[in-house]
Amino acid sequence: MIFDPDTYTMIIRKEKVDGDFLYVGRVAEFINITAYEDTYEEAREILLDAIQTLKTMADEAGAPFPAPNPVLAE
């Protein structure tokens, strides 16, 4: 199975941070991942890279890696 960081729960929204409006991105499954960027696309790329990096580190260490949150049924 191919690892896909897009399956994790990412929330990106525009917020006022220290007087400036930035796109703030967070990952629900990883409370320590936060991105503060000028564009939505940059925030998304930072989040995807962070998830992929954590996965690579876990694989190299032989450590388990959390699965994405389940999709809520409609």
Protein backbone atom coordinates (compact mmCIF):
# COMPACT_ATOMS: atom_id res chain seq x y z
CA MET A 1 0.00 0.00 0.00
CA ILE A 2 1.34 3.40 -0.98
CA PHE A 3 1.48 6.00 1.79
CA ASP A 4 -0.63 9.08 1.01
CA PRO A 5 -0.31 12.06 3.39
CA ASP A 6 -3.43 13.57 1.77
CA THR A 7 -5.55 11.05 3.71
CA TYR A 8 -4.83 12.86 6.99
CA THR A 9 -7.18 15.54 8.35
CA MET A 10 -5.77 18.93 7.41
CA ILE A 11 -7.47 22.17 8.36
CA ILE A 12 -6.24 25.36 6.74
CA ARG A 13 -7.85 28.70 7.37
CA LYS A 14 -6.95 32.35 7.26
CA GLU A 15 -6.26 33.75 10.72
CA LYS A 16 -4.90 36.96 12.16
CA VAL A 17 -1.47 36.22 13.64
CA ASP A 18 0.51 39.02 15.27
CA GLY A 19 -1.43 41.62 13.28
CA ASP A 20 -1.03 39.87 9.91
CA PHE A 21 -3.41 37.53 8.11
CA LEU A 22 -1.80 34.17 7.40
CA TYR A 23 -3.02 30.77 6.32
CA VAL A 24 -2.67 28.59 9.39
CA GLY A 25 -2.63 24.86 8.76
CA ARG A 26 -3.04 22.09 11.29
CA VAL A 27 -3.25 18.29 11.16
CA ALA A 28 -5.84 16.72 13.48
CA GLU A 29 -3.86 13.49 13.88
CA PHE A 30 -0.65 15.35 14.83
CA ILE A 31 -1.15 18.20 17.28
CA ASN A 32 2.50 19.24 16.93
CA ILE A 33 2.20 20.12 13.21
CA THR A 34 1.28 23.72 12.44
CA ALA A 35 2.08 25.84 9.38
CA TYR A 36 1.91 29.63 9.11
CA GLU A 37 2.13 30.72 5.47
CA ASP A 38 1.15 33.54 3.12
CA THR A 39 -0.90 31.31 0.81
CA TYR A 40 -3.22 28.33 1.19
CA GLU A 41 -1.07 26.31 -1.20
CA GLU A 42 2.12 26.96 0.78
CA ALA A 43 0.43 25.93 4.03
CA ARG A 44 -0.88 22.74 2.42
CA GLU A 45 2.55 21.83 1.04
CA ILE A 46 4.19 22.39 4.44
CA LEU A 47 1.63 20.11 6.12
CA LEU A 48 2.02 17.37 3.50
CA ASP A 49 5.81 17.55 3.79
CA ALA A 50 5.66 17.38 7.59
CA ILE A 51 3.42 14.30 7.53
CA GLN A 52 5.66 12.60 4.95
CA THR A 53 8.78 13.44 6.98
CA LEU A 54 7.27 12.00 10.16
CA LYS A 55 6.30 8.83 8.26
CA THR A 56 9.83 8.45 6.88
CA MET A 57 11.32 8.92 10.35
CA ALA A 58 8.92 6.35 11.83
CA ASP A 59 9.76 3.84 9.09
CA GLU A 60 13.51 4.33 9.59
CA ALA A 61 13.12 3.83 13.35
CA GLY A 62 10.80 0.84 12.91
CA ALA A 63 8.18 2.72 14.93
CA PRO A 64 4.42 2.49 14.41
CA PHE A 65 2.75 5.39 12.61
CA PRO A 66 -0.78 6.63 13.38
CA ALA A 67 -3.42 5.95 10.79
CA PRO A 68 -5.60 8.78 9.46
CA ASN A 69 -8.79 9.49 11.39
CA PRO A 70 -11.72 7.50 10.02
CA VAL A 71 -14.10 9.21 7.61
CA LEU A 72 -17.38 10.10 9.29
CA ALA A 73 -20.38 8.30 7.83
CA GLU A 74 -23.01 10.45 6.18
